[in-house]
C-alpha cells in the first residue's frame, strides 16, 4: 500500500523534530553536567580556603542539579568545620542533618551527629528521640545502641555542695553546710535553711526535731509542735506518734509535744507498725510496743540505718550468733543465709552483703544473686546500686553493667525522683540528676 505524500511529509517532520529535540537534550545535559561540575569545583576551592559557608552554598547548588550521597557528605563536612569555628550555625546544621536523615534513613552516623548537636544545646529529649529513631532504622548498630545507653545515664551535679548528708526520708534530706544543718527536698530545693546545730530526718506528718538555743519539734512549714528540755545528742525520726531521742547518753521515746513517755535504752530504733526495737543497758535486745511493754528477743545485734529505721521493705537484718541473717518484720528468720554484714537501707530487689571482706548481693529470700566481688557495695535503689573499686564509687545495673563509672569518693541511694547524692570530693556531697527524665 502506498503512503500519501501528506503522510510522508508528516513523518519526515516528526523525525526531524525528534532529531532536533535529541540534539537539544544532549546540549542541555552537557550544559547541566558542566554547571554541576563547576559548582563542585568552586565548592572545593572554597572548602580548601576555609570558606566553609561558601562551600556549603556551592555544594547545595550542585545537590539541586544532581542529588548524591557524596555531595551530601561534603556539605556535612563543611558544616562540621564551620561549627567548630562558631555555633551560630547550630540551627541550620541541625535542620540539614534532619533533612539528610529523611533521605538516608540507614546512615547511623547522621543520627549520632544529630544527637550530639542536641546535647550541645542541652536539648536532651530531642537527642534521645534522634537516637531512638536511629536504633529503629539501623538495626543492630552497636555504636548507636551504646550512644543511647550513655545518654540514658548522662547526669549533671547540682552546683550546691554539702559537707554531710543523711539518707532521704519521706521525700526529704537532712544536709550540713559547714557546721549547721538544714533540710532539702528530693529534688534539691531548700526547705529549711542550714542554720540549726542539730536536726533529725523528716518523719510522719513532716515532723522533725531541731535545735538552736532550744530544742523544738516542728514541721516543714515551721510550725512548732512541741519542745524538748536539753540538747539531744542523737535521735531517730517521728513515726507512729513517737520519736527516739538520746539525752545524756540514754535513749527514751517522746511524743509530738516533747513529753517523755518511757525508755532507758543504750540505743533505740524508730517505730514501725506499732513496734520498735531497742538495746537495754545490759545489752539485751527487746521489742517495744507503743505503751513501752518489752518483749525479749534472741538478737545479739540489729542493724539500723542512719535515720534510725530497722525495717527495710519488710525485712530486718539481725544477728543471733556471729553472723547476720534475714528476718521478716515479725522477727522470723528467713532461710539459712548468713553473712558478716548487710547494708541497712531500703532495697530495690537486691540487698548488698559482706562476706570475707568482699561485697555481693542477695535477694529477699536469702538467695545469693551476685557473689561477693566488690570492695564495698550498697543496696539497689531504683534499679541501680553503688559499688566501689580502688576506693572510687560508681553505679551498676542489675545485669552488673557499670553504667556510671568509678569516679566518686562516696555514694548514697537513688530516691523516687531518681536523684542520688554523691561525694564529689573530700568536702562536697552533691545531688546527681540524670539529664533525661526516664
Protein backbone atom coordinates (compact mmCIF):
# COMPACT_ATOMS: atom_id res chain seq x y z
CA UNK A 1 0.00 0.00 0.00
CA UNK A 2 1.37 3.40 -0.98
CA UNK A 3 1.61 6.22 1.53
CA UNK A 4 0.15 9.57 0.57
CA UNK A 5 2.51 12.50 0.06
CA UNK A 6 0.93 14.36 3.01
CA UNK A 7 1.52 11.42 5.38
CA UNK A 8 5.15 11.16 4.27
CA UNK A 9 5.57 14.84 4.91
CA UNK A 10 4.21 14.49 8.48
CA UNK A 11 6.51 11.56 9.21
CA UNK A 12 9.54 13.44 7.94
CA UNK A 13 8.65 16.48 10.08
CA UNK A 14 8.26 14.29 13.21
CA UNK A 15 11.59 12.57 12.61
CA UNK A 16 13.35 15.86 12.07
CA UNK A 17 11.73 17.18 15.30
CA UNK A 18 12.90 14.17 17.26
CA UNK A 19 16.40 14.68 15.94
CA UNK A 20 16.37 18.32 16.91
CA UNK A 21 14.97 17.52 20.37
CA UNK A 22 17.58 14.83 20.90
CA UNK A 23 20.33 17.18 19.88
CA UNK A 24 18.88 19.88 22.14
CA UNK A 25 18.63 17.46 25.08
CA UNK A 26 22.25 16.50 24.61
CA UNK A 27 23.22 20.15 24.66
CA UNK A 28 21.14 20.78 27.83
CA UNK A 29 22.57 17.68 29.52
CA UNK A 30 26.07 18.72 28.57
CA UNK A 31 25.47 22.21 29.95
CA UNK A 32 23.89 20.79 33.14
CA UNK A 33 26.83 18.46 33.79
CA UNK A 34 29.17 21.37 33.18
CA UNK A 35 27.28 23.52 35.68
CA UNK A 36 27.26 20.68 38.24
CA UNK A 37 31.00 20.13 37.89
CA UNK A 38 31.57 23.87 38.13
CA UNK A 39 29.67 24.09 41.46
CA UNK A 40 31.68 21.19 42.83
CA UNK A 41 34.91 22.80 41.68
CA UNK A 42 34.06 26.13 43.29
CA UNK A 43 32.92 24.38 46.45
CA UNK A 44 36.20 22.51 46.81
CA UNK A 45 38.20 25.69 46.32
CA UNK A 46 36.16 27.47 49.00
CA UNK A 47 36.49 24.47 51.33
CA UNK A 48 40.27 24.33 50.88
CA UNK A 49 40.49 28.05 51.72
CA UNK A 50 38.43 27.57 54.87
CA UNK A 51 35.43 29.43 53.48
CA UNK A 52 33.02 26.74 54.66
CA UNK A 53 29.77 28.67 54.31
CA UNK A 54 30.57 29.48 50.67
CA UNK A 55 31.48 25.81 50.16
CA UNK A 56 28.13 24.77 51.64
CA UNK A 57 26.31 27.14 49.27
CA UNK A 58 28.06 25.73 46.19
CA UNK A 59 27.62 22.11 47.27
CA UNK A 60 23.91 22.72 47.83
CA UNK A 61 23.63 24.22 44.33
CA UNK A 62 25.29 21.08 42.97
CA UNK A 63 22.86 18.99 45.01
CA UNK A 64 19.89 20.73 43.41
CA UNK A 65 21.20 19.76 39.97
CA UNK A 66 22.03 16.20 40.95
CA UNK A 67 21.35 14.66 44.34
CA UNK A 68 24.07 12.32 45.59
CA UNK A 69 25.21 10.94 48.93
CA UNK A 70 28.74 12.02 48.12
CA UNK A 71 27.71 15.66 47.79
CA UNK A 72 25.62 15.38 50.94
CA UNK A 73 28.68 14.13 52.83
CA UNK A 74 30.71 17.09 51.58
CA UNK A 75 28.06 19.51 52.83
CA UNK A 76 28.07 17.87 56.25
CA UNK A 77 31.86 18.01 56.41
CA UNK A 78 31.73 21.72 55.65
CA UNK A 79 29.08 22.25 58.33
CA UNK A 80 31.24 20.40 60.85
CA UNK A 81 34.25 22.57 60.05
CA UNK A 82 32.27 25.78 60.33
CA UNK A 83 30.56 24.62 63.54
CA UNK A 84 33.96 24.22 65.17
CA UNK A 85 34.60 27.87 64.39
CA UNK A 86 31.22 29.15 65.59
CA UNK A 87 28.00 27.64 66.90
CA UNK A 88 25.92 30.37 65.26
CA UNK A 89 25.05 27.86 62.53
CA UNK A 90 23.68 25.31 65.05
CA UNK A 91 20.03 25.60 63.98
CA UNK A 92 20.93 25.46 60.28
CA UNK A 93 23.22 22.48 60.87
CA UNK A 94 20.50 20.59 62.78
CA UNK A 95 18.00 21.33 60.02
CA UNK A 96 20.29 19.95 57.31
CA UNK A 97 21.06 16.81 59.32
CA UNK A 98 17.33 16.26 59.88
CA UNK A 99 16.74 16.51 56.11
CA UNK A 100 19.69 14.17 55.46
CA UNK A 101 18.14 11.53 57.73
CA UNK A 102 14.95 11.68 55.68
CA UNK A 103 16.95 10.89 52.55
CA UNK A 104 19.37 8.36 54.03
CA UNK A 105 17.45 6.63 56.80
CA UNK A 106 20.01 3.85 57.35
CA UNK A 107 23.02 6.16 57.86
CA UNK A 108 23.78 5.67 61.58
CA UNK A 109 26.35 8.43 61.84
CA UNK A 110 23.74 11.05 60.90
CA UNK A 111 21.62 10.14 63.95
CA UNK A 112 24.70 10.19 66.18
CA UNK A 113 25.82 13.59 64.94
CA UNK A 114 22.29 14.99 65.29
CA UNK A 115 22.06 13.74 68.89
CA UNK A 116 25.45 15.31 69.65
CA UNK A 117 24.18 18.67 68.41
CA UNK A 118 21.05 18.40 70.55
CA UNK A 119 23.16 17.51 73.59
CA UNK A 120 25.35 20.53 72.85
CA UNK A 121 22.25 22.71 73.01
CA UNK A 122 21.03 20.91 76.20
CA UNK A 123 18.03 19.53 74.33
CA UNK A 124 18.36 16.03 75.76
CA UNK A 125 14.84 14.88 74.90
CA UNK A 126 15.42 15.57 71.19
CA UNK A 127 18.82 13.86 71.40
CA UNK A 128 17.10 10.81 72.87
CA UNK A 129 14.43 10.80 70.14
CA UNK A 130 17.09 11.01 67.42
CA UNK A 131 18.97 8.02 68.83
CA UNK A 132 15.78 6.01 69.36
CA UNK A 133 14.82 6.63 65.74
CA UNK A 134 18.34 5.65 64.69
CA UNK A 135 18.26 2.35 66.57
CA UNK A 136 14.93 1.60 64.91
CA UNK A 137 16.12 2.39 61.36
CA UNK A 138 19.65 0.98 61.76
CA UNK A 139 19.06 -2.41 63.33
CA UNK A 140 21.80 -3.92 65.50
CA UNK A 141 24.09 -0.92 65.16
CA UNK A 142 26.30 -1.20 68.24
CA UNK A 143 27.56 2.37 68.12
CA UNK A 144 24.02 3.75 68.16
CA UNK A 145 22.98 1.42 71.00
CA UNK A 146 25.99 2.40 73.08
CA UNK A 147 25.36 6.06 72.41
CA UNK A 148 21.74 5.70 73.51
CA UNK A 149 22.70 3.92 76.73
CA UNK A 150 25.33 6.53 77.51
CA UNK A 151 22.73 9.28 77.07
CA UNK A 152 20.27 7.44 79.33
CA UNK A 153 22.79 7.56 82.17
CA UNK A 154 24.23 11.01 81.47
CA UNK A 155 23.97 13.20 84.54
CA UNK A 156 24.64 16.61 85.98
CA UNK A 157 25.60 17.56 89.53
CA UNK A 158 23.82 20.36 91.36
CA UNK A 159 26.09 23.33 91.95
CA UNK A 160 25.29 23.35 95.68
CA UNK A 161 27.56 21.15 97.80
CA UNK A 162 27.10 19.91 101.38
CA UNK A 163 29.68 18.71 103.89
CA UNK A 164 27.41 15.90 105.12
CA UNK A 165 24.01 14.37 104.34
CA UNK A 166 21.54 11.93 105.82
CA UNK A 167 19.73 9.45 103.53
CA UNK A 168 16.37 10.52 102.14
CA UNK A 169 13.37 10.13 104.45
CA UNK A 170 9.78 10.77 103.38
CA UNK A 171 10.97 12.82 100.41
CA UNK A 172 13.50 14.96 102.32
CA UNK A 173 17.22 15.02 103.07
CA UNK A 174 18.99 16.43 106.11
CA UNK A 175 22.07 18.32 104.90
CA UNK A 176 25.01 20.02 106.58
CA UNK A 177 26.65 23.22 105.39
CA UNK A 178 29.81 23.98 107.37
CA UNK A 179 28.65 23.36 110.97
CA UNK A 180 24.92 23.93 110.50
CA UNK A 181 22.10 21.63 109.41
CA UNK A 182 19.02 22.13 107.27
CA UNK A 183 16.54 20.24 105.08
CA UNK A 184 16.10 19.99 101.31
CA UNK A 185 13.55 18.02 99.30
CA UNK A 186 14.43 15.14 96.98
CA UNK A 187 14.83 17.49 94.01
CA UNK A 188 17.40 19.61 95.86
CA UNK A 189 15.15 22.53 96.81
CA UNK A 190 15.88 24.13 100.18
CA UNK A 191 13.02 23.63 102.66
CA UNK A 192 14.65 24.54 105.99
CA UNK A 193 17.72 26.79 105.90
CA UNK A 194 21.01 25.35 107.16
CA UNK A 195 21.02 27.21 110.47
CA UNK A 196 20.46 24.50 113.09
CA UNK A 197 23.09 22.94 115.36
CA UNK A 198 21.07 19.69 115.38
CA UNK A 199 18.30 18.32 113.21
CA UNK A 200 16.67 14.95 112.52
CA UNK A 201 15.34 13.47 109.30
CA UNK A 202 11.72 14.13 108.44
CA UNK A 203 9.19 11.62 109.80
CA UNK A 204 5.43 11.15 109.72
CA UNK A 205 3.37 14.32 109.21
CA UNK A 206 6.60 16.00 108.00
CA UNK A 207 7.72 16.28 111.64
CA UNK A 208 11.35 16.68 112.71
CA UNK A 209 13.36 17.70 115.77
CA UNK A 210 15.79 20.62 115.66
CA UNK A 211 17.96 22.66 117.98
CA UNK A 212 19.33 26.20 118.04
CA UNK A 213 19.29 27.64 121.55
CA UNK A 214 16.29 25.40 122.31
CA UNK A 215 15.11 22.03 121.02
CA UNK A 216 11.82 22.11 119.14
CA UNK A 217 9.62 19.58 117.37
CA UNK A 218 8.26 21.23 114.23
CA UNK A 219 7.08 20.50 110.71
CA UNK A 220 8.46 21.59 107.34
CA UNK A 221 6.23 24.69 107.33
CA UNK A 222 7.98 25.90 110.50
CA UNK A 223 5.04 25.24 112.83
CA UNK A 224 6.32 24.31 116.32
CA UNK A 225 4.52 21.23 117.65
CA UNK A 226 6.45 20.66 120.87
CA UNK A 227 9.64 21.32 122.84
CA UNK A 228 12.35 19.17 124.43
CA UNK A 229 14.31 20.08 127.55
CA UNK A 230 18.00 19.83 126.73
CA UNK A 231 20.03 19.47 123.53
CA UNK A 232 19.78 15.96 122.01
CA UNK A 233 22.94 14.04 121.21
CA UNK A 234 21.12 11.89 118.65
CA UNK A 235 17.60 10.98 117.57
CA UNK A 236 15.61 8.90 115.15
CA UNK A 237 12.54 10.09 113.27
CA UNK A 238 8.96 10.72 114.34
CA UNK A 239 6.91 7.64 113.42
CA UNK A 240 3.74 6.09 114.84
CA UNK A 241 3.43 9.16 117.15
CA UNK A 242 6.77 8.56 118.91
CA UNK A 243 10.40 9.55 118.43
CA UNK A 244 13.56 8.01 119.98
CA UNK A 245 15.76 10.77 121.42
CA UNK A 246 19.13 10.47 123.14
CA UNK A 247 19.80 12.79 126.10
CA UNK A 248 22.75 12.33 128.48
CA UNK A 249 23.70 9.08 126.74
CA UNK A 250 20.26 7.47 127.20
CA UNK A 251 17.54 6.87 124.58
CA UNK A 252 13.91 7.40 125.52
CA UNK A 253 10.71 7.79 123.49
CA UNK A 254 8.95 11.15 123.27
CA UNK A 255 5.59 12.22 121.85
CA UNK A 256 4.94 15.13 119.49
CA UNK A 257 4.59 17.60 122.37
CA UNK A 258 8.04 16.71 123.62
CA UNK A 259 6.88 14.76 126.67
CA UNK A 260 8.95 11.73 127.65
CA UNK A 261 6.80 8.58 127.57
CA UNK A 262 9.17 5.77 128.54
CA UNK A 263 12.57 4.21 127.96
CA UNK A 264 16.08 3.93 129.31
CA UNK A 265 17.96 2.36 126.41
CA UNK A 266 21.51 2.19 125.09
CA UNK A 267 20.14 2.51 121.55
CA UNK A 268 16.62 2.53 120.10
CA UNK A 269 15.01 2.38 116.67
CA UNK A 270 12.11 4.24 115.13
CA UNK A 271 8.67 2.72 115.38
CA UNK A 272 7.30 0.64 112.52
CA UNK A 273 3.72 -0.65 112.55
CA UNK A 274 3.46 -0.09 116.28
CA UNK A 275 6.74 -1.72 117.28
CA UNK A 276 10.31 -0.58 117.84
CA UNK A 277 13.41 -2.48 118.78
CA UNK A 278 15.88 -1.32 121.42
CA UNK A 279 19.01 -2.38 123.28
CA UNK A 280 18.79 -2.20 127.04
CA UNK A 281 21.62 -1.08 129.29
CA UNK A 282 22.53 -4.73 129.93
CA UNK A 283 22.87 -5.20 126.12
CA UNK A 284 19.70 -7.27 125.81
CA UNK A 285 17.63 -6.54 122.68
CA UNK A 286 13.88 -6.14 123.14
CA UNK A 287 10.83 -5.38 121.04
CA UNK A 288 8.92 -2.41 122.46
CA UNK A 289 5.24 -1.71 121.81
CA UNK A 290 3.75 1.81 121.84
CA UNK A 291 2.99 1.63 125.55
CA UNK A 292 6.56 0.66 126.42
CA UNK A 293 5.91 -3.03 127.02
CA UNK A 294 9.05 -5.04 126.25
CA UNK A 295 9.39 -8.50 124.70
CA UNK A 296 12.73 -10.28 124.82
CA UNK A 297 14.44 -11.38 121.60
CA UNK A 298 17.27 -13.74 120.71
CA UNK A 299 19.12 -11.00 118.82
CA UNK A 300 22.73 -10.15 119.58
CA UNK A 301 22.63 -7.14 117.28
CA UNK A 302 20.16 -5.38 114.98
CA UNK A 303 21.18 -3.06 112.13
CA UNK A 304 19.62 0.41 111.86
CA UNK A 305 20.09 2.85 109.02
CA UNK A 306 21.42 6.36 109.64
CA UNK A 307 17.86 7.62 110.19
CA UNK A 308 17.10 5.02 112.88
CA UNK A 309 14.94 2.63 110.82
CA UNK A 310 15.19 -1.11 111.49
CA UNK A 311 12.68 -2.49 108.96
CA UNK A 312 13.64 -2.33 105.29
CA UNK A 313 10.99 -3.30 102.76
CA UNK A 314 9.56 -5.75 105.35
CA UNK A 315 12.95 -7.22 106.29
CA UNK A 316 15.10 -6.94 109.41
CA UNK A 317 18.86 -7.54 109.37
CA UNK A 318 19.93 -9.01 112.69
CA UNK A 319 22.49 -11.27 114.34
CA UNK A 320 21.63 -14.25 116.54
CA UNK A 321 25.14 -15.66 116.81
CA UNK A 322 28.26 -14.43 114.99
CA UNK A 323 26.55 -13.79 111.64
CA UNK A 324 23.81 -11.54 110.31
CA UNK A 325 20.72 -13.13 108.78
CA UNK A 326 17.44 -12.02 107.20
CA UNK A 327 14.29 -11.83 109.29
CA UNK A 328 10.78 -10.82 108.34
CA UNK A 329 9.08 -7.89 110.08
CA UNK A 330 7.63 -10.33 112.61
CA UNK A 331 11.18 -11.35 113.62
CA UNK A 332 11.06 -14.78 111.97
CA UNK A 333 14.28 -15.93 110.29
CA UNK A 334 14.24 -16.35 106.50
CA UNK A 335 16.18 -19.32 105.12
CA UNK A 336 19.73 -20.23 106.07
CA UNK A 337 21.53 -17.23 104.61
CA UNK A 338 24.12 -15.56 106.84
CA UNK A 339 26.94 -13.08 106.31
CA UNK A 340 29.42 -10.81 108.05
CA UNK A 341 27.41 -7.64 107.42
CA UNK A 342 24.46 -6.25 105.44
CA UNK A 343 23.71 -2.76 104.14
CA UNK A 344 20.85 -1.46 106.33
CA UNK A 345 18.66 0.51 103.97
CA UNK A 346 15.51 0.03 101.87
CA UNK A 347 16.29 -2.00 98.78
CA UNK A 348 15.03 -2.47 95.24
CA UNK A 349 15.06 -6.25 94.81
CA UNK A 350 18.68 -6.89 95.84
CA UNK A 351 20.49 -6.34 99.14
CA UNK A 352 24.23 -5.74 99.48
CA UNK A 353 26.01 -8.06 101.92
CA UNK A 354 29.59 -8.62 103.05
CA UNK A 355 31.41 -11.92 103.36
CA UNK A 356 35.16 -12.32 103.84
CA UNK A 357 35.70 -8.57 103.28
CA UNK A 358 34.03 -8.57 99.84
CA UNK A 359 30.52 -7.47 98.92
CA UNK A 360 27.84 -9.17 96.82
CA UNK A 361 24.04 -9.17 96.54
CA UNK A 362 21.28 -11.39 97.91
CA UNK A 363 17.52 -11.31 97.31
CA UNK A 364 14.80 -11.10 99.96
CA UNK A 365 14.56 -14.92 100.11
CA UNK A 366 18.20 -15.27 101.05
CA UNK A 367 19.39 -16.46 97.64
CA UNK A 368 22.76 -15.09 96.57
CA UNK A 369 22.31 -13.41 93.16
CA UNK A 370 25.73 -11.77 92.78
CA UNK A 371 28.66 -13.41 94.53
CA UNK A 372 30.89 -11.20 96.69
CA UNK A 373 33.36 -9.42 94.41
CA UNK A 374 33.21 -5.70 95.24
CA UNK A 375 35.28 -3.74 97.75
CA UNK A 376 32.08 -2.17 99.08
CA UNK A 377 28.51 -2.09 97.77
CA UNK A 378 25.17 -0.56 98.68
CA UNK A 379 21.63 -1.81 98.13
CA UNK A 380 19.92 -1.43 94.78
CA UNK A 381 17.63 1.59 94.69
CA UNK A 382 15.50 2.44 91.66
CA UNK A 383 17.36 -0.11 89.52
CA UNK A 384 20.95 0.90 90.31
CA UNK A 385 23.47 0.06 93.03
CA UNK A 386 26.55 1.96 94.18
CA UNK A 387 29.70 -0.19 94.07
CA UNK A 388 33.29 0.63 94.97
CA UNK A 389 36.57 -0.25 93.24
CA UNK A 390 40.03 1.05 94.17
CA UNK A 391 38.42 3.49 96.58
CA UNK A 392 36.12 5.08 93.96
CA UNK A 393 32.36 4.64 93.62
CA UNK A 394 30.24 4.13 90.52
CA UNK A 395 26.83 2.62 89.73
CA UNK A 396 25.83 -0.64 88.08
CA UNK A 397 22.52 -2.04 86.86
CA UNK A 398 21.08 -5.44 87.77
CA UNK A 399 22.96 -7.05 84.89
CA UNK A 400 26.18 -5.94 86.63
CA UNK A 401 26.89 -3.48 83.85
CA UNK A 402 28.70 -0.38 85.09
CA UNK A 403 26.53 2.45 83.78
CA UNK A 404 28.25 5.27 85.70
CA UNK A 405 31.99 4.82 86.02
CA UNK A 406 34.05 4.72 89.20
CA UNK A 407 34.61 8.41 89.94
CA UNK A 408 33.11 9.42 93.29
CA UNK A 409 34.54 9.31 96.82
CA UNK A 410 31.23 8.01 98.17
CA UNK A 411 27.66 7.48 97.00
CA UNK A 412 24.20 7.35 98.53
CA UNK A 413 20.96 5.84 97.18
CA UNK A 414 18.61 6.89 94.35
CA UNK A 415 15.36 8.42 95.55
CA UNK A 416 11.93 8.13 93.93
CA UNK A 417 12.78 11.01 91.58
CA UNK A 418 15.92 9.08 90.52
CA UNK A 419 18.29 11.60 92.05
CA UNK A 420 21.19 10.49 94.22
CA UNK A 421 23.76 12.20 96.42
CA UNK A 422 27.40 11.51 95.54
CA UNK A 423 30.57 12.75 97.18
CA UNK A 424 32.42 14.71 94.53
CA UNK A 425 35.47 15.46 96.68
CA UNK A 426 36.52 15.37 100.33
CA UNK A 427 34.35 18.39 101.17
CA UNK A 428 31.28 18.14 98.95
CA UNK A 429 28.22 15.93 98.60
CA UNK A 430 26.21 16.95 95.52
CA UNK A 431 22.89 15.78 94.14
CA UNK A 432 23.29 13.78 90.93
CA UNK A 433 20.44 14.23 88.44
CA UNK A 434 20.01 12.39 85.14
CA UNK A 435 19.65 14.72 82.17
CA UNK A 436 16.72 12.66 80.91
CA UNK A 437 13.51 12.14 82.86
CA UNK A 438 13.31 8.40 82.22
